[in-house]
Amino acid sequence: MKLSKGLYIVVLGISLWCSLASAQITCSSGSACQTNFVPVFTSNGGNAKVADSIIQQSGSNVVVGGNLSANGFEIGGNLFAFGSNANAFLGLAGNSTTVACCNTAVGLNALLENASGSPDDGQA
């Protein structure tokens, strides 16, 4: 039996939908798959398993229930807090290109011009 082009496309579409519809998401524990938690998928493709997550979102608030590592923190596209080479800059302070060591600055433009210096801490 030869199928017309239109019927062939419909049959192909139904076949594809059926293969996609068979994939299922399962929770790996009783505490996984909680409302407002960002899912952690532990499998690739096909049936998916979701594990416990430490990241929770409620509206525009995000809570991380564990350690959070970052190189910097931006507010409105401006580097608000960051650290490098034993430096700590907070509140739009510091210079991200500095090679100086062991500085702490707080507040708008504090140590902004501090771009050079010895990269070691001066200890022998």
N, C-alpha and C. Protein backbone atom coordinates (compact mmCIF):
# COMPACT_ATOMS: atom_id res chain seq x y z
N MET A 1 0.84 -1.16 0.00
CA MET A 1 0.00 0.00 0.00
C MET A 1 0.88 1.23 0.00
N LYS A 2 0.63 2.15 -0.89
CA LYS A 2 1.41 3.36 -1.00
C LYS A 2 0.65 4.50 -0.32
N LEU A 3 1.35 5.22 0.58
CA LEU A 3 0.75 6.34 1.29
C LEU A 3 0.96 7.63 0.50
N SER A 4 -0.05 8.49 0.53
CA SER A 4 0.12 9.80 -0.09
C SER A 4 1.08 10.62 0.76
N LYS A 5 1.66 11.66 0.18
CA LYS A 5 2.65 12.47 0.87
C LYS A 5 2.09 13.06 2.17
N GLY A 6 0.87 13.60 2.14
CA GLY A 6 0.25 14.20 3.32
C GLY A 6 0.02 13.18 4.41
N LEU A 7 -0.47 12.01 4.05
CA LEU A 7 -0.72 10.95 5.02
C LEU A 7 0.59 10.45 5.62
N TYR A 8 1.63 10.37 4.80
CA TYR A 8 2.94 9.92 5.26
C TYR A 8 3.46 10.88 6.33
N ILE A 9 3.29 12.19 6.15
CA ILE A 9 3.76 13.17 7.13
C ILE A 9 2.97 13.04 8.43
N VAL A 10 1.66 12.82 8.34
CA VAL A 10 0.85 12.64 9.54
C VAL A 10 1.28 11.40 10.30
N VAL A 11 1.50 10.29 9.60
CA VAL A 11 1.93 9.04 10.24
C VAL A 11 3.29 9.23 10.89
N LEU A 12 4.20 9.92 10.20
CA LEU A 12 5.53 10.18 10.76
C LEU A 12 5.42 11.05 12.01
N GLY A 13 4.56 12.07 11.98
CA GLY A 13 4.37 12.95 13.13
C GLY A 13 3.81 12.21 14.33
N ILE A 14 2.82 11.36 14.12
CA ILE A 14 2.24 10.56 15.21
C ILE A 14 3.28 9.61 15.77
N SER A 15 4.07 9.01 14.93
CA SER A 15 5.12 8.09 15.37
C SER A 15 6.14 8.81 16.24
N LEU A 16 6.55 10.00 15.81
CA LEU A 16 7.50 10.79 16.59
C LEU A 16 6.90 11.19 17.92
N TRP A 17 5.63 11.65 17.92
CA TRP A 17 4.98 12.05 19.16
C TRP A 17 4.91 10.88 20.13
N CYS A 18 4.59 9.70 19.64
CA CYS A 18 4.49 8.51 20.50
C CYS A 18 5.83 8.17 21.12
N SER A 19 6.92 8.32 20.35
CA SER A 19 8.23 7.99 20.91
C SER A 19 8.64 9.01 21.95
N LEU A 20 8.26 10.28 21.78
CA LEU A 20 8.58 11.30 22.77
C LEU A 20 7.69 11.18 23.99
N ALA A 21 6.46 10.83 23.80
CA ALA A 21 5.51 10.73 24.89
C ALA A 21 5.87 9.61 25.86
N SER A 22 6.66 8.65 25.44
CA SER A 22 6.98 7.52 26.31
C SER A 22 8.07 7.85 27.32
N ALA A 23 8.83 8.95 27.12
CA ALA A 23 9.86 9.33 28.08
C ALA A 23 9.20 9.82 29.36
N GLN A 24 9.74 9.40 30.49
CA GLN A 24 9.17 9.76 31.78
C GLN A 24 10.22 10.39 32.67
N ILE A 25 9.76 11.23 33.58
CA ILE A 25 10.64 11.82 34.59
C ILE A 25 10.30 11.16 35.91
N THR A 26 11.33 10.64 36.58
CA THR A 26 11.13 10.01 37.89
C THR A 26 12.00 10.70 38.92
N CYS A 27 11.54 10.70 40.14
CA CYS A 27 12.28 11.30 41.25
C CYS A 27 13.13 10.22 41.90
N SER A 28 14.41 10.55 42.14
CA SER A 28 15.31 9.54 42.68
C SER A 28 15.13 9.32 44.18
N SER A 29 14.39 10.22 44.85
CA SER A 29 14.12 10.04 46.28
C SER A 29 12.83 10.77 46.63
N GLY A 30 12.38 10.60 47.86
CA GLY A 30 11.17 11.25 48.31
C GLY A 30 11.31 12.76 48.43
N SER A 31 12.56 13.25 48.55
CA SER A 31 12.77 14.70 48.68
C SER A 31 13.15 15.35 47.36
N ALA A 32 13.33 14.56 46.29
CA ALA A 32 13.62 15.13 44.98
C ALA A 32 12.33 15.63 44.35
N CYS A 33 12.42 16.41 43.30
CA CYS A 33 11.26 16.91 42.55
C CYS A 33 10.34 17.79 43.40
N GLN A 34 10.90 18.65 44.23
CA GLN A 34 10.09 19.53 45.06
C GLN A 34 9.72 20.80 44.31
N THR A 35 8.55 21.33 44.57
CA THR A 35 8.10 22.59 43.99
C THR A 35 9.09 23.69 44.36
N ASN A 36 9.41 24.55 43.41
CA ASN A 36 10.30 25.71 43.56
C ASN A 36 11.78 25.34 43.69
N PHE A 37 12.15 24.09 43.49
CA PHE A 37 13.56 23.71 43.49
C PHE A 37 14.01 23.47 42.06
N VAL A 38 15.21 23.93 41.72
CA VAL A 38 15.77 23.74 40.39
C VAL A 38 16.17 22.28 40.24
N PRO A 39 15.66 21.57 39.23
CA PRO A 39 15.93 20.13 39.12
C PRO A 39 17.38 19.83 38.74
N VAL A 40 17.88 18.73 39.27
CA VAL A 40 19.20 18.21 38.93
C VAL A 40 18.97 16.88 38.22
N PHE A 41 19.16 16.88 36.90
CA PHE A 41 18.94 15.66 36.13
C PHE A 41 20.16 14.76 36.24
N THR A 42 19.94 13.49 36.51
CA THR A 42 21.05 12.54 36.69
C THR A 42 21.15 11.56 35.53
N SER A 43 20.44 11.84 34.44
CA SER A 43 20.49 10.96 33.27
C SER A 43 20.43 11.81 32.02
N ASN A 44 20.83 11.22 30.90
CA ASN A 44 20.83 11.93 29.62
C ASN A 44 19.83 11.29 28.67
N GLY A 45 18.92 12.10 28.13
CA GLY A 45 17.99 11.62 27.12
C GLY A 45 17.03 10.57 27.63
N GLY A 46 16.01 10.29 26.84
CA GLY A 46 15.02 9.26 27.18
C GLY A 46 14.38 9.53 28.53
N ASN A 47 14.22 8.48 29.30
CA ASN A 47 13.67 8.65 30.64
C ASN A 47 14.65 9.43 31.49
N ALA A 48 14.15 10.34 32.31
CA ALA A 48 15.00 11.21 33.11
C ALA A 48 14.79 10.96 34.58
N LYS A 49 15.88 11.02 35.33
CA LYS A 49 15.82 10.93 36.79
C LYS A 49 16.24 12.27 37.35
N VAL A 50 15.52 12.72 38.38
CA VAL A 50 15.82 13.98 39.03
C VAL A 50 16.26 13.71 40.46
N ALA A 51 17.41 14.28 40.85
CA ALA A 51 17.95 14.11 42.19
C ALA A 51 17.62 15.33 43.05
N ASP A 52 17.96 15.26 44.33
CA ASP A 52 17.76 16.39 45.25
C ASP A 52 18.53 17.60 44.74
N SER A 53 18.00 18.78 45.02
CA SER A 53 18.63 20.03 44.60
C SER A 53 18.84 20.92 45.81
N ILE A 54 19.96 21.67 45.81
CA ILE A 54 20.21 22.63 46.88
C ILE A 54 19.81 24.04 46.45
N ILE A 55 19.29 24.20 45.21
CA ILE A 55 18.93 25.51 44.70
C ILE A 55 17.41 25.66 44.68
N GLN A 56 16.93 26.67 45.39
CA GLN A 56 15.49 26.92 45.49
C GLN A 56 15.19 28.30 44.95
N GLN A 57 14.10 28.43 44.19
CA GLN A 57 13.68 29.73 43.66
C GLN A 57 12.25 29.99 44.05
N SER A 58 12.01 31.18 44.58
CA SER A 58 10.67 31.62 44.93
C SER A 58 10.52 33.05 44.43
N GLY A 59 9.76 33.23 43.36
CA GLY A 59 9.66 34.55 42.74
C GLY A 59 11.01 34.95 42.18
N SER A 60 11.52 36.11 42.59
CA SER A 60 12.82 36.56 42.11
C SER A 60 13.94 36.25 43.11
N ASN A 61 13.62 35.52 44.18
CA ASN A 61 14.62 35.15 45.18
C ASN A 61 15.18 33.76 44.89
N VAL A 62 16.50 33.63 44.96
CA VAL A 62 17.16 32.35 44.78
C VAL A 62 17.96 32.05 46.05
N VAL A 63 17.78 30.85 46.58
CA VAL A 63 18.46 30.44 47.80
C VAL A 63 19.29 29.20 47.48
N VAL A 64 20.57 29.23 47.90
CA VAL A 64 21.44 28.07 47.73
C VAL A 64 21.68 27.50 49.12
N GLY A 65 21.29 26.25 49.31
CA GLY A 65 21.42 25.60 50.60
C GLY A 65 22.73 24.85 50.75
N GLY A 66 23.83 25.52 50.54
CA GLY A 66 25.16 24.90 50.63
C GLY A 66 26.20 25.93 50.27
N ASN A 67 27.39 25.47 49.93
CA ASN A 67 28.46 26.39 49.55
C ASN A 67 28.25 26.92 48.15
N LEU A 68 28.60 28.18 47.96
CA LEU A 68 28.48 28.83 46.66
C LEU A 68 29.83 29.43 46.32
N SER A 69 30.40 29.02 45.21
CA SER A 69 31.69 29.54 44.77
C SER A 69 31.48 30.49 43.61
N ALA A 70 32.19 31.61 43.64
CA ALA A 70 32.09 32.59 42.57
C ALA A 70 33.36 33.43 42.53
N ASN A 71 33.67 33.99 41.38
CA ASN A 71 34.82 34.88 41.25
C ASN A 71 34.44 36.33 41.47
N GLY A 72 33.17 36.65 41.34
CA GLY A 72 32.72 38.01 41.51
C GLY A 72 31.21 38.06 41.56
N PHE A 73 30.70 39.24 41.88
CA PHE A 73 29.27 39.43 42.00
C PHE A 73 28.93 40.76 41.33
N GLU A 74 27.98 40.73 40.41
CA GLU A 74 27.61 41.94 39.68
C GLU A 74 26.22 42.41 40.08
N ILE A 75 26.05 43.72 40.10
CA ILE A 75 24.74 44.33 40.26
C ILE A 75 24.56 45.29 39.10
N GLY A 76 23.54 45.07 38.31
CA GLY A 76 23.27 45.93 37.17
C GLY A 76 24.41 45.96 36.16
N GLY A 77 25.14 44.87 36.03
CA GLY A 77 26.26 44.80 35.08
C GLY A 77 27.55 45.39 35.61
N ASN A 78 27.55 45.90 36.85
CA ASN A 78 28.76 46.47 37.46
C ASN A 78 29.33 45.49 38.47
N LEU A 79 30.64 45.29 38.43
CA LEU A 79 31.30 44.38 39.36
C LEU A 79 31.23 44.95 40.77
N PHE A 80 30.41 44.36 41.61
CA PHE A 80 30.16 44.87 42.96
C PHE A 80 31.14 44.31 43.98
N ALA A 81 31.46 43.04 43.86
CA ALA A 81 32.38 42.41 44.81
C ALA A 81 33.19 41.35 44.07
N PHE A 82 34.50 41.33 44.33
CA PHE A 82 35.35 40.31 43.73
C PHE A 82 36.66 40.23 44.50
N GLY A 83 37.41 39.21 44.23
CA GLY A 83 38.71 39.05 44.84
C GLY A 83 39.66 38.32 43.92
N SER A 84 40.92 38.67 44.01
CA SER A 84 41.95 37.99 43.23
C SER A 84 43.30 38.30 43.85
N ASN A 85 44.25 37.38 43.73
CA ASN A 85 45.62 37.60 44.20
C ASN A 85 45.64 38.10 45.64
N ALA A 86 44.84 37.49 46.50
CA ALA A 86 44.72 37.84 47.91
C ALA A 86 44.17 39.25 48.12
N ASN A 87 43.46 39.80 47.15
CA ASN A 87 42.78 41.08 47.28
C ASN A 87 41.30 40.82 47.54
N ALA A 88 40.66 41.76 48.24
CA ALA A 88 39.22 41.69 48.46
C ALA A 88 38.63 43.07 48.22
N PHE A 89 37.74 43.17 47.23
CA PHE A 89 37.12 44.44 46.86
C PHE A 89 35.62 44.32 46.98
N LEU A 90 34.99 45.31 47.62
CA LEU A 90 33.56 45.27 47.88
C LEU A 90 32.94 46.65 47.63
N GLY A 91 31.75 46.66 47.09
CA GLY A 91 31.01 47.91 46.92
C GLY A 91 31.53 48.77 45.79
N LEU A 92 31.75 48.18 44.61
CA LEU A 92 32.23 48.88 43.42
C LEU A 92 33.64 49.43 43.62
N ALA A 93 34.43 48.75 44.42
CA ALA A 93 35.80 49.16 44.71
C ALA A 93 36.79 48.33 43.89
N GLY A 94 38.03 48.78 43.87
CA GLY A 94 39.12 48.02 43.30
C GLY A 94 39.23 48.09 41.79
N ASN A 95 40.22 47.37 41.29
CA ASN A 95 40.55 47.33 39.88
C ASN A 95 40.77 45.86 39.52
N SER A 96 39.96 45.32 38.65
CA SER A 96 40.05 43.88 38.33
C SER A 96 41.31 43.51 37.59
N THR A 97 42.11 44.48 37.12
CA THR A 97 43.33 44.17 36.38
C THR A 97 44.59 44.31 37.24
N THR A 98 44.44 44.64 38.50
CA THR A 98 45.61 44.85 39.35
C THR A 98 46.43 43.58 39.53
N VAL A 99 47.75 43.75 39.61
CA VAL A 99 48.63 42.63 39.95
C VAL A 99 49.16 42.80 41.36
N ALA A 100 48.72 43.88 42.04
CA ALA A 100 49.12 44.11 43.42
C ALA A 100 48.50 43.04 44.31
N CYS A 101 49.07 42.89 45.47
CA CYS A 101 48.63 41.84 46.38
C CYS A 101 48.14 42.39 47.71
N CYS A 102 47.24 41.67 48.26
CA CYS A 102 46.88 41.79 49.67
C CYS A 102 46.21 43.11 50.02
N ASN A 103 45.36 43.61 49.15
CA ASN A 103 44.61 44.84 49.39
C ASN A 103 43.18 44.52 49.78
N THR A 104 42.60 45.41 50.57
CA THR A 104 41.18 45.36 50.88
C THR A 104 40.62 46.75 50.64
N ALA A 105 39.54 46.83 49.86
CA ALA A 105 38.93 48.12 49.57
C ALA A 105 37.41 47.98 49.64
N VAL A 106 36.78 49.01 50.21
CA VAL A 106 35.33 49.03 50.32
C VAL A 106 34.84 50.41 49.91
N GLY A 107 33.86 50.46 49.03
CA GLY A 107 33.26 51.72 48.64
C GLY A 107 33.58 52.11 47.21
N LEU A 108 32.74 52.94 46.66
CA LEU A 108 32.82 53.37 45.27
C LEU A 108 34.22 53.89 44.91
N ASN A 109 34.84 53.23 43.94
CA ASN A 109 36.13 53.60 43.36
C ASN A 109 37.32 53.53 44.32
N ALA A 110 37.17 52.95 45.50
CA ALA A 110 38.31 52.79 46.41
C ALA A 110 39.35 51.90 45.75
N LEU A 111 40.59 52.33 45.74
CA LEU A 111 41.74 51.66 45.12
C LEU A 111 41.53 51.40 43.62
N LEU A 112 40.74 52.23 42.98
CA LEU A 112 40.47 52.07 41.55
C LEU A 112 41.74 52.19 40.72
N GLU A 113 42.65 53.07 41.11
CA GLU A 113 43.88 53.30 40.35
C GLU A 113 44.99 52.32 40.72
N ASN A 114 44.78 51.45 41.67
CA ASN A 114 45.81 50.50 42.10
C ASN A 114 45.89 49.36 41.10
N ALA A 115 46.69 49.58 40.03
CA ALA A 115 46.75 48.60 38.95
C ALA A 115 48.07 47.86 38.90
N SER A 116 49.07 48.32 39.63
CA SER A 116 50.37 47.64 39.56
C SER A 116 50.88 47.42 40.97
N GLY A 117 51.96 46.73 41.04
CA GLY A 117 52.56 46.44 42.33
C GLY A 117 53.14 45.05 42.31
N SER A 118 53.77 44.69 43.35
CA SER A 118 54.38 43.38 43.42
C SER A 118 53.31 42.33 43.66
N PRO A 119 53.31 41.27 42.82
CA PRO A 119 52.30 40.25 43.03
C PRO A 119 52.57 39.33 44.21
N ASP A 120 53.71 39.54 44.93
CA ASP A 120 53.89 38.70 46.11
C ASP A 120 53.52 39.51 47.35
N ASP A 121 53.34 38.84 48.47
CA ASP A 121 52.84 39.52 49.66
C ASP A 121 53.94 40.19 50.47
N GLY A 122 55.16 40.20 49.97
CA GLY A 122 56.26 40.87 50.65
C GLY A 122 56.92 40.04 51.72
N GLN A 123 56.46 38.84 51.94
CA GLN A 123 57.07 37.99 52.94
C GLN A 123 58.22 37.23 52.34
N ALA A 124 59.30 37.14 53.08
CA ALA A 124 60.48 36.41 52.58
C ALA A 124 60.39 34.95 52.92
